[in-house]
Amino acid sequence: MAGLLGTVGVASLVSEPIGWLIQNGDLSTVDWSATFFTIAVLRWVHLTAVLTALAFTLHPQTARWFHR
C-alpha cells in the first residue's frame, strides 16, 4: 500500500514538469513569473512531504507504535 501511494504521489507531482521538459526541452522558454515560482515551491514542498511520509511509514519505529 505504501509503495502504491508513494508511487502515485510522486508520479502526480513530477509527471507534468517532466512532460513539459520533454516537449519544450529548454528552460529558456519558462515564464519566470511569481505564479511560476509559487507553483514550483508548492510542488517542491508537496513532493518533500510525500517522500518524508513514505520514509516515516516504512520506518521500524512506526510499526512498533501501531502495534501497541
Protein backbone atom coordinates (compact mmCIF):
# COMPACT_ATOMS: atom_id res chain seq x y z
CA MET A 1 0.00 0.00 0.00
CA ALA A 2 2.79 2.42 0.88
CA GLY A 3 4.54 1.64 -2.39
CA LEU A 4 1.40 2.33 -4.38
CA LEU A 5 0.65 5.58 -2.58
CA GLY A 6 4.28 6.68 -2.80
CA THR A 7 4.44 5.90 -6.50
CA VAL A 8 1.16 7.63 -7.32
CA GLY A 9 2.02 10.60 -5.10
CA VAL A 10 5.43 11.13 -6.65
CA ALA A 11 4.21 10.48 -10.20
CA SER A 12 1.42 13.02 -9.87
CA LEU A 13 3.92 15.67 -8.80
CA VAL A 14 6.67 15.04 -11.34
CA SER A 15 4.76 13.94 -14.45
CA GLU A 16 3.69 17.43 -15.53
CA PRO A 17 7.14 19.08 -15.18
CA ILE A 18 8.85 16.15 -16.90
CA GLY A 19 6.27 16.20 -19.69
CA TRP A 20 6.79 19.92 -20.16
CA LEU A 21 10.56 19.48 -20.23
CA ILE A 22 10.29 16.69 -22.83
CA GLN A 23 8.02 18.80 -25.05
CA ASN A 24 9.98 22.04 -24.78
CA GLY A 25 13.42 20.68 -23.97
CA ASP A 26 14.69 24.10 -22.96
CA LEU A 27 14.44 26.09 -19.74
CA SER A 28 14.81 29.38 -21.62
CA THR A 29 11.08 29.25 -22.51
CA VAL A 30 9.97 29.25 -18.86
CA ASP A 31 7.69 32.11 -17.84
CA TRP A 32 9.65 33.25 -14.77
CA SER A 33 6.67 34.91 -13.08
CA ALA A 34 5.54 34.98 -9.47
CA THR A 35 2.89 32.40 -10.34
CA PHE A 36 5.54 30.02 -11.70
CA PHE A 37 7.69 30.38 -8.57
CA THR A 38 4.67 29.88 -6.29
CA ILE A 39 3.62 26.70 -8.09
CA ALA A 40 7.21 25.41 -8.18
CA VAL A 41 7.71 25.99 -4.45
CA LEU A 42 4.36 24.41 -3.55
CA ARG A 43 5.09 21.41 -5.78
CA TRP A 44 8.54 21.01 -4.17
CA VAL A 45 7.08 21.21 -0.63
CA HIS A 46 4.39 18.67 -1.56
CA LEU A 47 6.96 16.30 -3.10
CA THR A 48 9.13 16.59 0.01
CA ALA A 49 6.10 15.85 2.21
CA VAL A 50 5.18 12.74 0.18
CA LEU A 51 8.73 11.36 0.31
CA THR A 52 9.04 12.13 4.04
CA ALA A 53 5.70 10.47 4.79
CA LEU A 54 6.77 7.42 2.79
CA ALA A 55 10.05 7.21 4.70
CA PHE A 56 8.27 7.52 8.05
CA THR A 57 5.71 4.91 7.01
CA LEU A 58 8.46 2.38 6.31
CA HIS A 59 10.45 3.17 9.47
CA PRO A 60 10.56 0.28 12.01
CA GLN A 61 9.52 2.53 14.91
CA THR A 62 6.25 3.31 13.12
CA ALA A 63 5.24 -0.35 13.06
CA ARG A 64 6.09 -0.70 16.76
CA TRP A 65 4.00 2.34 17.64
CA PHE A 66 0.95 1.00 15.80
CA HIS A 67 1.29 -2.46 17.32
CA ARG A 68 0.99 -1.05 20.84
